[in-house]
Amino acid sequence: MLLHLSISNYALIEKLDLDFSTGFTVITGETGAGKSLLLGAISMILGNRIDNSLFVNSEKKCTVEGVFKLDKEKFEEFFIENDIDFEEETSIRREITTTGKSRAFVNDTPVNLNIIKEIVEILINIHSQHQNLLVKSGNYQLAVVDSYSNSINEAESVHRKFKQLTILKNKLNAIKNAEHKAKNEIDFLQFQIQEIDQLKLLPNEQESLEEQLKIIKNSVEIKSTLLLGTQLLNENENNIISNSKRIYQSITKLSDLSPEFEQTSERLNSVIIELIDISREISRLNDNLNFDDENTENIENRLSSIYTLERKHQLSNSNDLLNLLDNLKLKLKNLGDFEGTVDELEKNIKDLEDDLYKIADDLSKKRKKSIVPLTSEINKKIKELGMPDASFIVEHTTDNELGVNGLDKINFLFSANKGFVPTEIHKTASGGEISRLMLTLKLILSKSNNLSTIIFDEIDTGVSGDIADKMGEIMKQMSENIQIITVTHLPQVAAKGKQNLKITKQISNDKTITEVVELSKEEKINEIAKMLSGKELTKASIENAKNLISN
């Protein structure tokens, strides 16, 4: 329940601190005094959107803080999960800085708005005039049935499991799409691998082949060069090796004469040995050279195949192709085992669907069982609220296909007049009739103990007299289970308040400001008397006010 509300720099409210009591709190005040501003400020701490134009002073931040009494059993686990200190008297605060930036806090811990909304959606509900349209919502109608049948937990379980089922199905579709894409990729990878594998490349093969081809293309020059070398070194009559040997023999004879001759002789001997080795190497090279056309064609074809793949993959040599081959094989190996994952997901989906169908079927039976007594209770209440010929029907159908709400579809049908077939509420009921019906539905919701506070914003609009008195009695009855706060213009409703608050507009320092005060017993009598007779208080209106309060 709402224990305390603190507001600063919001619209016409400069500074306000207000305590709320348990039970039935009534807020009154003239039109335009600021009742909607008070509700707007409360909406801020419920996570609703903020209108920055409502700030009194743009140089000061706007702050709205509510202190709520929380049920430890309902909320402690949520607070632990979100790393927030749990307190039975928890503060929720919204701040709007001078730059328009919004900040939210729970027990002084900064949080995002989603956290606040999750807390307050099971804590407090503001019923304004536009919320009468909710009565035509299928989800809202189901919520009424679930509340009446004590099926809130089962309905939440169905909603939660259906959400899990949707996530699993989306995951399965994503994996199947990935599997299809992967299969195409696998086929392409296998083709690429096969294409490179067929070449049976060797390390540095391209470099070796290019070298061989270069030699072949220069074969004439190479042959003539090698032949000339052989002739000059060893074959001519006056060849280099023979001449070197003669010089060596001559110098050797002088070795005994001087160490220098001996050294020169040794050097010449080394040169001759090297020349003989070079001559043999030239002969070997000459013998090993193969310049046949068939070999040349094979090398050219081989290089052409290598060059084609290099261009295709934008590579520069055969070693790069070998590296690519290794990478392609690794990529192929790393592609997941989709079949196993798909099988596991399909099994999980089947198990969850079976579980969900069972829960949804049990929920459907509870809903169906509650419809007759629910219909009877609503018809009884709306007759008490001045609609003796009204008829209310809860239309229930089931579907074989699971949805977020299970297997059921609920439709509220209504007729206010005798002889008319009940039809959809928003098509047949007037504003006053919808208000009375909505109050009846809220009474049923309040019994579920799912909310701790309901705020009514002039739900009694369009009614008066005895009907207003009965609506006030219903709200008072509701306040025995939960906190009820209502904004009203009707004295019959105001008279039933356990706590009465009055909103007024005052002029302070040439500025209009809104103030809220709690009325004493005497002030409550005078306020209700004014509501009965106008600004002029009369003895009769005061007596009437006292009678309303006492009755």
Protein backbone atom coordinates (compact mmCIF):
# COMPACT_ATOMS: atom_id res chain seq x y z
CA MET A 1 0.00 0.00 0.00
CA LEU A 2 0.97 3.65 -0.46
CA LEU A 3 2.13 5.11 2.85
CA HIS A 4 3.62 8.46 1.90
CA LEU A 5 3.90 10.73 -1.15
CA SER A 6 6.45 13.52 -1.53
CA ILE A 7 6.37 15.91 -4.53
CA SER A 8 8.52 18.91 -5.42
CA ASN A 9 8.55 21.19 -8.47
CA TYR A 10 5.78 19.39 -10.37
CA ALA A 11 3.29 21.60 -12.23
CA LEU A 12 1.48 23.77 -9.65
CA ILE A 13 2.85 21.69 -6.77
CA GLU A 14 5.95 23.37 -5.35
CA LYS A 15 6.32 21.13 -2.29
CA LEU A 16 3.99 18.48 -0.91
CA ASP A 17 4.32 15.76 1.75
CA LEU A 18 1.29 13.58 2.24
CA ASP A 19 0.60 10.52 4.41
CA PHE A 20 -2.05 7.99 3.36
CA SER A 21 -4.00 5.76 5.71
CA THR A 22 -5.15 2.19 5.26
CA GLY A 23 -8.71 1.59 4.12
CA PHE A 24 -10.70 4.19 2.18
CA THR A 25 -9.13 7.56 1.31
CA VAL A 26 -11.26 10.17 -0.50
CA ILE A 27 -9.81 13.15 -2.38
CA THR A 28 -12.06 16.10 -3.13
CA GLY A 29 -11.60 19.58 -4.52
CA GLU A 30 -13.00 21.99 -7.07
CA THR A 31 -12.51 21.37 -10.77
CA GLY A 32 -9.06 22.60 -11.80
CA ALA A 33 -7.69 22.56 -8.26
CA GLY A 34 -5.08 19.97 -9.17
CA LYS A 35 -6.52 16.49 -8.60
CA SER A 36 -5.24 15.32 -11.99
CA LEU A 37 -1.79 16.73 -11.12
CA LEU A 38 -1.68 14.63 -7.97
CA LEU A 39 -2.54 11.51 -9.96
CA GLY A 40 -0.02 12.50 -12.63
CA ALA A 41 2.70 12.71 -10.00
CA ILE A 42 1.77 9.26 -8.71
CA SER A 43 1.88 7.99 -12.31
CA MET A 44 5.48 9.21 -12.50
CA ILE A 45 6.60 6.82 -9.77
CA LEU A 46 4.67 4.06 -11.53
CA GLY A 47 7.08 4.44 -14.45
CA ASN A 48 4.87 6.48 -16.78
CA ARG A 49 6.11 9.04 -19.27
CA ILE A 50 6.95 12.52 -18.01
CA ASP A 51 5.93 15.87 -19.47
CA ASN A 52 8.85 18.26 -18.83
CA SER A 53 6.62 21.26 -19.50
CA LEU A 54 4.94 20.66 -16.14
CA PHE A 55 7.97 21.75 -14.11
CA VAL A 56 7.38 24.85 -11.98
CA ASN A 57 11.01 25.92 -11.98
CA SER A 58 13.20 24.74 -14.87
CA GLU A 59 16.29 25.58 -12.80
CA LYS A 60 15.38 23.00 -10.12
CA LYS A 61 14.95 19.28 -10.54
CA CYS A 62 11.53 17.69 -10.19
CA THR A 63 11.23 14.89 -7.64
CA VAL A 64 8.34 12.54 -6.86
CA GLU A 65 8.81 9.86 -4.20
CA GLY A 66 6.39 7.28 -2.86
CA VAL A 67 6.88 5.06 0.15
CA PHE A 68 5.10 1.71 -0.13
CA LYS A 69 4.54 -1.10 2.32
CA LEU A 70 5.55 -4.34 0.60
CA ASP A 71 4.77 -7.97 1.29
CA LYS A 72 8.11 -9.66 1.96
CA GLU A 73 6.92 -13.00 0.58
CA LYS A 74 5.90 -11.42 -2.74
CA PHE A 75 8.82 -9.08 -3.29
CA GLU A 76 12.00 -10.15 -1.48
CA GLU A 77 13.14 -12.64 -4.14
CA PHE A 78 12.63 -10.03 -6.89
CA PHE A 79 14.72 -7.50 -4.96
CA ILE A 80 17.53 -10.05 -4.45
CA GLU A 81 17.53 -10.98 -8.16
CA ASN A 82 17.92 -7.31 -9.09
CA ASP A 83 20.52 -6.53 -6.42
CA ILE A 84 18.30 -4.09 -4.51
CA ASP A 85 18.09 -3.91 -0.73
CA PHE A 86 14.64 -5.09 0.33
CA GLU A 87 12.76 -3.04 2.91
CA GLU A 88 9.17 -3.58 3.97
CA GLU A 89 8.74 0.20 3.64
CA THR A 90 10.26 0.72 0.21
CA SER A 91 10.78 4.08 -1.45
CA ILE A 92 10.38 4.55 -5.21
CA ARG A 93 11.69 7.87 -6.52
CA ARG A 94 11.74 9.59 -9.90
CA GLU A 95 13.93 12.61 -10.53
CA ILE A 96 13.94 14.85 -13.58
CA THR A 97 17.06 16.98 -13.86
CA THR A 98 17.12 20.53 -15.17
CA THR A 99 18.36 19.13 -18.50
CA GLY A 100 15.30 16.86 -18.73
CA LYS A 101 17.14 13.64 -17.91
CA SER A 102 15.07 11.10 -15.99
CA ARG A 103 16.46 8.96 -13.17
CA ALA A 104 14.76 6.30 -11.08
CA PHE A 105 15.62 4.86 -7.67
CA VAL A 106 14.34 2.05 -5.46
CA ASN A 107 15.53 2.40 -1.87
CA ASP A 108 18.15 4.87 -3.19
CA THR A 109 19.51 2.25 -5.64
CA PRO A 110 19.52 3.52 -9.25
CA VAL A 111 17.31 1.31 -11.46
CA ASN A 112 15.78 1.41 -14.93
CA LEU A 113 12.07 2.02 -15.38
CA ASN A 114 11.34 -1.61 -16.21
CA ILE A 115 12.31 -2.56 -12.65
CA ILE A 116 9.86 0.00 -11.23
CA LYS A 117 7.09 -1.16 -13.56
CA GLU A 118 7.56 -4.78 -12.51
CA ILE A 119 7.21 -3.78 -8.87
CA VAL A 120 4.20 -1.49 -9.16
CA GLU A 121 2.18 -3.59 -11.60
CA ILE A 122 1.40 -5.97 -8.73
CA LEU A 123 1.27 -3.18 -6.17
CA ILE A 124 -0.94 -0.34 -7.36
CA ASN A 125 -3.48 0.39 -10.08
CA ILE A 126 -4.85 3.77 -11.17
CA HIS A 127 -8.31 3.58 -12.71
CA SER A 128 -8.99 6.69 -14.78
CA GLN A 129 -11.88 7.42 -17.11
CA HIS A 130 -10.07 6.19 -20.22
CA GLN A 131 -9.47 2.85 -18.49
CA ASN A 132 -13.17 2.09 -18.88
CA LEU A 133 -12.15 1.08 -22.39
CA LEU A 134 -10.22 -1.81 -20.82
CA VAL A 135 -13.48 -3.63 -20.30
CA LYS A 136 -13.49 -4.58 -23.99
CA SER A 137 -9.96 -6.02 -23.81
CA GLY A 138 -9.79 -9.82 -23.94
CA ASN A 139 -6.74 -9.84 -21.67
CA TYR A 140 -8.50 -7.71 -19.07
CA GLN A 141 -11.59 -9.89 -19.18
CA LEU A 142 -9.45 -13.00 -18.69
CA ALA A 143 -7.73 -11.28 -15.75
CA VAL A 144 -11.13 -10.78 -14.11
CA VAL A 145 -12.04 -14.45 -14.57
CA ASP A 146 -8.61 -15.58 -13.32
CA SER A 147 -8.89 -13.35 -10.29
CA TYR A 148 -12.33 -14.66 -9.44
CA SER A 149 -11.29 -18.29 -9.92
CA ASN A 150 -8.05 -17.85 -7.94
CA SER A 151 -6.13 -18.83 -11.06
CA ILE A 152 -3.66 -15.95 -11.18
CA ASN A 153 -0.65 -18.20 -10.49
CA GLU A 154 -1.73 -20.76 -13.10
CA ALA A 155 -2.36 -18.02 -15.67
CA GLU A 156 1.09 -16.54 -14.99
CA SER A 157 2.61 -20.02 -15.32
CA VAL A 158 0.92 -20.49 -18.72
CA HIS A 159 2.09 -17.04 -19.82
CA ARG A 160 5.65 -17.74 -18.66
CA LYS A 161 5.83 -21.20 -20.23
CA PHE A 162 4.29 -19.97 -23.49
CA LYS A 163 6.97 -17.29 -23.62
CA GLN A 164 9.63 -19.98 -23.07
CA LEU A 165 8.01 -22.10 -25.80
CA THR A 166 8.06 -19.15 -28.20
CA ILE A 167 11.75 -18.56 -27.45
CA LEU A 168 12.57 -22.25 -28.08
CA LYS A 169 10.60 -22.29 -31.34
CA ASN A 170 12.33 -19.13 -32.54
CA LYS A 171 15.68 -20.69 -31.61
CA LEU A 172 14.78 -23.88 -33.51
CA ASN A 173 13.81 -21.86 -36.60
CA ALA A 174 17.05 -19.89 -36.35
CA ILE A 175 19.12 -23.09 -36.11
CA LYS A 176 17.24 -24.68 -39.03
CA ASN A 177 17.90 -21.58 -41.10
CA ALA A 178 21.54 -21.70 -40.04
CA GLU A 179 21.62 -25.41 -40.88
CA HIS A 180 20.27 -24.71 -44.37
CA LYS A 181 22.78 -21.94 -44.82
CA ALA A 182 25.56 -24.16 -43.43
CA LYS A 183 24.67 -26.98 -45.82
CA ASN A 184 25.08 -24.61 -48.73
CA GLU A 185 28.34 -23.42 -47.22
CA ILE A 186 29.52 -27.02 -46.64
CA ASP A 187 28.84 -27.88 -50.29
CA PHE A 188 30.81 -24.85 -51.40
CA LEU A 189 33.68 -25.58 -48.99
CA GLN A 190 33.85 -29.17 -50.16
CA PHE A 191 33.96 -28.00 -53.77
CA GLN A 192 36.78 -25.54 -53.01
CA ILE A 193 38.74 -28.16 -51.06
CA GLN A 194 38.35 -30.73 -53.81
CA GLU A 195 39.42 -28.20 -56.44
CA ILE A 196 42.68 -27.42 -54.60
CA ASP A 197 43.22 -31.01 -53.46
CA GLN A 198 43.12 -32.24 -57.06
CA LEU A 199 46.28 -30.26 -57.82
CA LYS A 200 48.20 -32.22 -55.16
CA LEU A 201 50.44 -29.24 -54.62
CA LEU A 202 53.90 -29.60 -53.10
CA PRO A 203 55.55 -26.92 -50.93
CA ASN A 204 57.26 -24.24 -53.07
CA GLU A 205 56.12 -26.05 -56.21
CA GLN A 206 55.22 -22.95 -58.15
CA GLU A 207 58.65 -21.42 -57.57
CA SER A 208 60.33 -24.65 -58.70
CA LEU A 209 58.22 -24.94 -61.84
CA GLU A 210 58.74 -21.31 -62.77
CA GLU A 211 62.50 -21.84 -62.42
CA GLN A 212 62.36 -24.92 -64.65
CA LEU A 213 60.37 -23.07 -67.27
CA LYS A 214 62.79 -20.18 -67.20
CA ILE A 215 65.68 -22.59 -67.88
CA ILE A 216 63.78 -24.22 -70.75
CA LYS A 217 63.01 -20.89 -72.35
CA ASN A 218 66.72 -20.02 -72.21
CA SER A 219 67.87 -23.48 -73.36
CA VAL A 220 69.82 -22.36 -76.43
CA GLU A 221 71.85 -19.84 -74.51
CA ILE A 222 72.38 -22.31 -71.64
CA LYS A 223 73.56 -25.10 -73.98
CA SER A 224 75.97 -22.87 -75.84
CA THR A 225 77.29 -21.42 -72.61
CA LEU A 226 77.85 -24.84 -71.05
CA LEU A 227 79.49 -26.15 -74.24
CA LEU A 228 81.81 -23.18 -74.38
CA GLY A 229 82.69 -23.67 -70.73
CA THR A 230 83.51 -27.33 -71.29
CA GLN A 231 85.65 -26.56 -74.29
CA LEU A 232 87.60 -23.76 -72.66
CA LEU A 233 88.13 -25.64 -69.44
CA ASN A 234 88.97 -29.10 -70.68
CA GLU A 235 88.54 -29.87 -74.39
CA ASN A 236 90.42 -27.30 -76.45
CA GLU A 237 93.98 -28.06 -77.30
CA ASN A 238 95.03 -25.08 -75.32
CA ASN A 239 92.41 -25.47 -72.50
CA ILE A 240 92.51 -23.75 -69.15
CA ILE A 241 93.01 -26.85 -67.00
CA SER A 242 95.96 -28.14 -69.08
CA ASN A 243 97.61 -24.71 -69.05
CA SER A 244 97.00 -24.43 -65.32
CA LYS A 245 98.68 -27.78 -64.78
CA ARG A 246 101.77 -26.72 -66.75
CA ILE A 247 102.06 -23.54 -64.72
CA TYR A 248 101.66 -25.54 -61.54
CA GLN A 249 104.40 -27.98 -62.52
CA SER A 250 106.75 -25.09 -63.29
CA ILE A 251 106.07 -23.25 -60.02
CA THR A 252 106.33 -26.46 -58.02
CA LYS A 253 109.96 -26.89 -59.16
CA LEU A 254 110.70 -23.54 -57.52
CA SER A 255 109.06 -24.40 -54.19
CA ASP A 256 112.33 -25.31 -52.55
CA LEU A 257 113.78 -21.95 -53.38
CA SER A 258 111.37 -19.82 -51.44
CA PRO A 259 108.28 -20.18 -49.20
CA GLU A 260 106.46 -17.78 -51.49
CA PHE A 261 106.89 -20.13 -54.46
CA GLU A 262 105.64 -22.95 -52.29
CA GLN A 263 102.54 -21.00 -51.30
CA THR A 264 101.85 -20.04 -54.91
CA SER A 265 102.21 -23.69 -55.92
CA GLU A 266 99.68 -24.75 -53.31
CA ARG A 267 97.25 -22.10 -54.46
CA LEU A 268 97.60 -23.20 -58.06
CA ASN A 269 96.90 -26.79 -57.02
CA SER A 270 93.71 -25.68 -55.28
CA VAL A 271 92.62 -23.73 -58.35
CA ILE A 272 93.22 -26.75 -60.60
CA ILE A 273 91.16 -29.00 -58.29
CA GLU A 274 88.33 -26.40 -58.29
CA LEU A 275 88.52 -26.02 -62.11
CA ILE A 276 88.33 -29.79 -62.59
CA ASP A 277 85.26 -29.88 -60.24
CA ILE A 278 83.63 -26.99 -62.11
CA SER A 279 84.28 -28.75 -65.40
CA ARG A 280 82.59 -31.90 -64.12
CA GLU A 281 79.64 -29.87 -62.79
CA ILE A 282 79.20 -28.16 -66.15
CA SER A 283 79.26 -31.55 -67.85
CA ARG A 284 76.66 -32.89 -65.38
CA LEU A 285 74.41 -29.87 -65.91
CA ASN A 286 74.71 -30.30 -69.62
CA ASP A 287 73.88 -34.01 -69.43
CA ASN A 288 70.88 -33.46 -67.11
CA LEU A 289 69.20 -30.73 -69.09
CA ASN A 290 65.95 -31.98 -70.69
CA PHE A 291 64.51 -29.65 -73.21
CA ASP A 292 61.90 -31.93 -74.80
CA ASP A 293 58.64 -30.26 -75.87
CA GLU A 294 56.42 -32.64 -73.91
CA ASN A 295 58.03 -31.72 -70.57
CA THR A 296 57.74 -28.04 -71.42
CA GLU A 297 54.04 -28.41 -72.17
CA ASN A 298 53.45 -30.28 -68.90
CA ILE A 299 55.14 -27.56 -66.86
CA GLU A 300 53.18 -24.82 -68.63
CA ASN A 301 49.89 -26.64 -68.10
CA ARG A 302 50.68 -27.24 -64.45
CA LEU A 303 51.54 -23.58 -63.85
CA SER A 304 48.42 -22.50 -65.72
CA SER A 305 46.23 -24.56 -63.34
CA ILE A 306 48.02 -23.07 -60.33
CA TYR A 307 47.69 -19.50 -61.67
CA THR A 308 43.96 -20.00 -62.34
CA LEU A 309 43.24 -20.99 -58.73
CA GLU A 310 45.44 -18.20 -57.41
CA ARG A 311 43.49 -15.61 -59.39
CA LYS A 312 40.20 -17.15 -58.26
CA HIS A 313 41.18 -16.84 -54.59
CA GLN A 314 43.19 -13.65 -55.05
CA LEU A 315 46.44 -15.28 -53.90
CA SER A 316 50.01 -14.81 -55.06
CA ASN A 317 51.69 -18.24 -54.86
CA SER A 318 51.13 -21.96 -54.42
CA ASN A 319 52.11 -21.88 -50.74
CA ASP A 320 49.19 -19.49 -50.15
CA LEU A 321 46.95 -22.04 -51.83
CA LEU A 322 48.18 -24.73 -49.45
CA ASN A 323 47.47 -22.44 -46.47
CA LEU A 324 43.99 -21.74 -47.85
CA LEU A 325 43.39 -25.48 -48.18
CA ASP A 326 44.27 -26.00 -44.51
CA ASN A 327 41.93 -23.16 -43.49
CA LEU A 328 39.06 -24.48 -45.60
CA LYS A 329 39.41 -27.94 -44.08
CA LEU A 330 39.44 -26.45 -40.56
CA LYS A 331 36.33 -24.35 -41.32
CA LEU A 332 34.55 -27.41 -42.67
CA LYS A 333 35.46 -29.34 -39.54
CA ASN A 334 34.23 -26.56 -37.26
CA LEU A 335 30.76 -26.32 -38.79
CA GLY A 336 28.37 -27.46 -36.02
CA ASP A 337 26.52 -30.68 -35.64
CA PHE A 338 23.11 -29.18 -36.36
CA GLU A 339 21.30 -32.49 -36.42
CA GLY A 340 21.98 -33.20 -32.76
CA THR A 341 21.01 -29.67 -31.69
CA VAL A 342 17.78 -29.75 -33.71
CA ASP A 343 16.78 -33.12 -32.22
CA GLU A 344 17.40 -31.88 -28.68
CA LEU A 345 15.43 -28.66 -29.25
CA GLU A 346 12.51 -30.49 -30.83
CA LYS A 347 12.37 -32.82 -27.82
CA ASN A 348 12.46 -29.87 -25.40
CA ILE A 349 9.68 -28.14 -27.36
CA LYS A 350 7.54 -31.29 -27.33
CA ASP A 351 8.05 -31.75 -23.56
CA LEU A 352 7.25 -28.09 -22.87
CA GLU A 353 4.16 -28.20 -25.11
CA ASP A 354 2.88 -31.31 -23.33
CA ASP A 355 3.43 -29.64 -19.96
CA LEU A 356 1.85 -26.41 -21.17
CA TYR A 357 -1.22 -28.19 -22.58
CA LYS A 358 -1.77 -29.91 -19.21
CA ILE A 359 -1.49 -26.66 -17.23
CA ALA A 360 -3.63 -24.79 -19.78
CA ASP A 361 -6.27 -27.54 -19.67
CA ASP A 362 -6.39 -27.42 -15.86
CA LEU A 363 -6.60 -23.61 -16.01
CA SER A 364 -9.39 -23.82 -18.58
CA LYS A 365 -11.41 -26.10 -16.29
CA LYS A 366 -11.01 -23.67 -13.36
CA ARG A 367 -12.02 -20.75 -15.55
CA LYS A 368 -15.06 -22.58 -16.90
CA LYS A 369 -16.13 -23.63 -13.41
CA SER A 370 -16.02 -20.03 -12.17
CA ILE A 371 -18.08 -18.49 -14.96
CA VAL A 372 -21.54 -19.28 -13.58
CA PRO A 373 -20.91 -17.91 -10.05
CA LEU A 374 -18.95 -14.94 -11.50
CA THR A 375 -21.82 -14.07 -13.84
CA SER A 376 -24.31 -14.40 -11.00
CA GLU A 377 -22.30 -12.13 -8.69
CA ILE A 378 -21.80 -9.45 -11.33
CA ASN A 379 -25.49 -9.47 -12.27
CA LYS A 380 -26.38 -9.15 -8.61
CA LYS A 381 -24.03 -6.19 -8.08
CA ILE A 382 -25.06 -4.25 -11.20
CA LYS A 383 -28.72 -4.61 -10.20
CA GLU A 384 -27.83 -3.15 -6.81
CA LEU A 385 -26.21 -0.25 -8.67
CA GLY A 386 -29.48 0.83 -10.29
CA MET A 387 -29.61 -1.40 -13.37
CA PRO A 388 -32.48 -3.82 -12.50
CA ASP A 389 -33.01 -4.96 -16.08
CA ALA A 390 -29.32 -5.32 -16.95
CA SER A 391 -27.96 -8.64 -18.11
CA PHE A 392 -24.31 -9.64 -18.03
CA ILE A 393 -22.94 -12.76 -19.72
CA VAL A 394 -19.43 -14.24 -19.75
CA GLU A 395 -18.97 -15.98 -23.09
CA HIS A 396 -16.32 -18.70 -22.91
CA THR A 397 -14.80 -20.64 -25.81
CA THR A 398 -11.80 -22.92 -26.01
CA ASP A 399 -9.27 -23.34 -28.78
CA ASN A 400 -7.17 -26.37 -29.63
CA GLU A 401 -4.19 -24.15 -30.32
CA LEU A 402 -2.19 -22.78 -27.43
CA GLY A 403 -1.88 -19.05 -26.96
CA VAL A 404 -0.23 -16.74 -24.45
CA ASN A 405 -3.37 -17.01 -22.27
CA GLY A 406 -3.77 -20.76 -22.69
CA LEU A 407 -6.68 -22.32 -24.55
CA ASP A 408 -9.46 -19.91 -23.56
CA LYS A 409 -11.14 -16.91 -25.07
CA ILE A 410 -13.39 -14.77 -22.88
CA ASN A 411 -15.89 -12.20 -24.08
CA PHE A 412 -18.03 -10.04 -21.78
CA LEU A 413 -21.52 -9.33 -23.15
CA PHE A 414 -23.89 -6.76 -21.65
CA SER A 415 -27.36 -5.34 -22.03
CA ALA A 416 -28.70 -2.56 -19.80
CA ASN A 417 -32.31 -2.84 -20.89
CA LYS A 418 -34.92 -5.55 -20.80
CA GLY A 419 -35.67 -7.26 -24.09
CA PHE A 420 -32.26 -6.56 -25.63
CA VAL A 421 -29.82 -9.35 -26.40
CA PRO A 422 -26.50 -8.84 -24.57
CA THR A 423 -23.70 -7.74 -26.87
CA GLU A 424 -20.16 -6.40 -26.55
CA ILE A 425 -20.03 -3.89 -23.70
CA HIS A 426 -18.47 -0.95 -25.54
CA LYS A 427 -21.17 -1.19 -28.23
CA THR A 428 -24.15 -0.99 -25.92
CA ALA A 429 -23.33 0.55 -22.51
CA SER A 430 -23.34 4.25 -21.65
CA GLY A 431 -20.48 5.91 -19.76
CA GLY A 432 -22.29 5.70 -16.44
CA GLU A 433 -23.21 2.06 -17.02
CA ILE A 434 -19.61 1.18 -17.89
CA SER A 435 -18.39 2.99 -14.76
CA ARG A 436 -20.70 0.94 -12.56
CA LEU A 437 -19.73 -2.28 -14.32
CA MET A 438 -16.01 -1.45 -14.03
CA LEU A 439 -16.41 -0.80 -10.30
CA THR A 440 -18.02 -4.20 -9.95
CA LEU A 441 -15.15 -5.82 -11.83
CA LYS A 442 -12.60 -3.96 -9.70
CA LEU A 443 -14.37 -5.27 -6.61
CA ILE A 444 -13.79 -8.81 -7.88
CA LEU A 445 -10.15 -8.04 -8.69
CA SER A 446 -9.60 -6.60 -5.23
CA LYS A 447 -10.63 -9.90 -3.64
CA SER A 448 -7.76 -11.68 -5.34
CA ASN A 449 -5.26 -9.90 -3.07
CA ASN A 450 -3.06 -9.42 -6.14
CA LEU A 451 -3.08 -5.64 -5.71
CA SER A 452 -2.55 -3.71 -2.51
CA THR A 453 -3.82 -0.32 -3.74
CA ILE A 454 -6.43 0.84 -6.27
CA ILE A 455 -6.82 4.53 -7.12
CA PHE A 456 -10.12 5.57 -8.72
CA ASP A 457 -10.16 8.80 -10.70
CA GLU A 458 -13.82 9.86 -10.69
CA ILE A 459 -15.17 6.39 -11.47
CA ASP A 460 -18.52 7.68 -10.19
CA THR A 461 -18.87 10.18 -13.05
CA GLY A 462 -22.36 10.06 -14.57
CA VAL A 463 -24.16 8.79 -11.47
CA SER A 464 -25.76 10.49 -8.49
CA GLY A 465 -28.07 10.01 -5.53
CA ASP A 466 -28.71 6.47 -4.39
CA ILE A 467 -26.43 4.95 -7.05
CA ALA A 468 -23.55 7.18 -5.95
CA ASP A 469 -24.16 6.04 -2.39
CA LYS A 470 -24.04 2.39 -3.44
CA MET A 471 -20.86 2.90 -5.46
CA GLY A 472 -19.30 4.54 -2.43
CA GLU A 473 -20.40 1.57 -0.33
CA ILE A 474 -18.73 -0.83 -2.77
CA MET A 475 -15.47 1.12 -2.61
CA LYS A 476 -15.67 1.14 1.17
CA GLN A 477 -16.29 -2.61 1.09
CA MET A 478 -13.23 -3.05 -1.17
CA SER A 479 -11.11 -1.06 1.29
CA GLU A 480 -11.58 -3.82 3.86
CA ASN A 481 -9.20 -5.95 1.75
CA ILE A 482 -6.95 -3.37 0.09
CA GLN A 483 -6.16 0.33 0.16
CA ILE A 484 -8.66 2.35 -1.89
CA ILE A 485 -8.01 5.97 -2.90
CA THR A 486 -10.69 7.74 -4.90
CA VAL A 487 -11.08 11.16 -6.47
CA THR A 488 -14.73 12.22 -6.40
CA HIS A 489 -17.14 15.13 -6.76
CA LEU A 490 -19.98 13.26 -5.06
CA PRO A 491 -20.79 13.88 -1.38
CA GLN A 492 -22.29 10.38 -1.04
CA VAL A 493 -18.87 8.89 -1.82
CA ALA A 494 -16.84 11.45 0.13
CA ALA A 495 -18.91 10.78 3.25
CA LYS A 496 -17.67 7.19 3.42
CA GLY A 497 -13.97 8.06 3.51
CA LYS A 498 -11.87 6.91 6.43
CA GLN A 499 -9.35 9.61 5.42
CA ASN A 500 -10.46 12.73 3.56
CA LEU A 501 -8.01 14.89 1.63
CA LYS A 502 -8.84 18.21 -0.01
CA ILE A 503 -6.97 19.76 -2.95
CA THR A 504 -7.05 23.54 -3.27
CA LYS A 505 -5.39 26.24 -5.36
CA GLN A 506 -3.78 29.13 -3.47
CA ILE A 507 -1.96 32.32 -4.44
CA SER A 508 1.49 32.58 -2.86
CA ASN A 509 4.05 35.24 -3.80
CA ASP A 510 2.00 36.09 -6.92
CA LYS A 511 2.06 32.43 -8.00
CA THR A 512 -0.72 29.88 -8.13
CA ILE A 513 0.15 26.71 -6.23
CA THR A 514 -1.72 23.51 -5.43
CA GLU A 515 -1.96 22.31 -1.86
CA VAL A 516 -3.38 19.14 -0.31
CA VAL A 517 -4.56 18.99 3.30
CA GLU A 518 -6.06 16.22 5.40
CA LEU A 519 -9.47 17.21 6.75
CA SER A 520 -10.38 16.97 10.38
CA LYS A 521 -13.76 15.55 11.37
CA GLU A 522 -15.30 19.05 11.42
CA GLU A 523 -13.62 20.05 8.15
CA LYS A 524 -14.92 16.86 6.53
CA ILE A 525 -18.49 17.76 7.54
CA ASN A 526 -18.11 21.27 6.10
CA GLU A 527 -16.53 19.96 2.86
CA ILE A 528 -19.39 17.52 2.28
CA ALA A 529 -21.93 20.23 3.16
CA LYS A 530 -20.40 22.48 0.48
CA MET A 531 -20.59 19.62 -2.01
CA LEU A 532 -24.29 19.35 -1.19
CA SER A 533 -25.25 23.02 -1.26
CA GLY A 534 -22.44 25.00 -2.83
CA LYS A 535 -20.07 27.48 -1.19
CA GLU A 536 -22.77 28.82 1.18
CA LEU A 537 -22.90 26.61 4.24
CA THR A 538 -26.38 26.20 5.66
CA LYS A 539 -27.67 24.48 8.74
CA ALA A 540 -29.58 22.03 6.55
CA SER A 541 -26.55 21.14 4.43
CA ILE A 542 -24.45 20.55 7.55
CA GLU A 543 -27.12 18.27 8.98
CA ASN A 544 -27.35 16.45 5.67
CA ALA A 545 -23.58 16.02 5.67
CA LYS A 546 -23.64 14.61 9.19
CA ASN A 547 -26.40 12.19 8.20
CA LEU A 548 -24.43 11.04 5.15
CA ILE A 549 -21.37 10.40 7.29
CA SER A 550 -23.21 8.62 10.07
CA ASN A 551 -25.18 6.45 7.66
